[in-house]
Amino acid sequence: METLTLIIVEAAVELIPEEIAWHPSVRRHAARRNKRPVELLLDRSYHHSAMLKLRDEYKRGRPDIVYHILLDSVNSPLYKAGLLELYVSTIDGHIIELGKGVRLPRSYDRFVGLMEDLYRKEEIMSRSGELLLKVDVRSLSSLLEKLAPDYTILMTEKGELMSYGDVAESLVERRRPVVGIGGFPSGDFKEETLSSFDSKVSIGPERCDASLVACRLIHEVEKRSLDRVAN
């Protein structure tokens, strides 16, 4: 395996939609943050009553899910060895790309501020001029076309039952595999998402936290791929 790419798919990360920017709960939160409503990340913790008016509201407004997956991922030996690439495919049709050597804030509030800055600036660079984060309007299918993987797996409880170890073995045997993990709190993947992946795999009949799935899978890949590099 040259590189494993992890994509957080249908991620519940987006700015406040215009259609609920007028809502009192949104306006109060914006006033506290000293920002315009449409500059804030949608977050169920603050905007629950406003979100009830949104389509598919049960899948939206949970940037904390993405935060925990990314925080564990960028602190993994696999990422630090340059063998893990990270992308977020958001529910509102954006792709967020993480560069190499990114260190995310330990504070969730600072992460939210970082994402809001990213949406405003579209790119965040390091002091030395290296790309840290980038966001643009793009579909999951176009990202996969750009990455040109030789194997893709989507983790879903409705997939073929496999152990973490077996999934990791199937990944490290490929040159540039991609694994997709859902970044939303409840509901099912869209049909277009399901059809974008070669294999659908489950590690058990019950839903697990996405951050736990990502962490355990990365660990299993590490044990196999880093040992091969060392030998």
Foldseek 3Di string as FASTA:
>chain_A
DQAEEEEAEQAQWAFDDPVLQPPPLLVVVCVVVVHRRRLFIQACVRCVVSLVPPPPSQFHHCCVLVVLQVQLVLPDPCLLVVRYWYWYQHNVQKIKGADHPAHADPDPVVNRVVVSVCVVVQFDADPVGHTGMGMDGHHPLVVCVVQVFPFEEEEDLPFAADALLVVLVVVVVGNYYYYYFYNTDDDDDDPVVVVSHPGYYYPHNDDDRRSVSSNSNVVSNCVPPVVVVVD
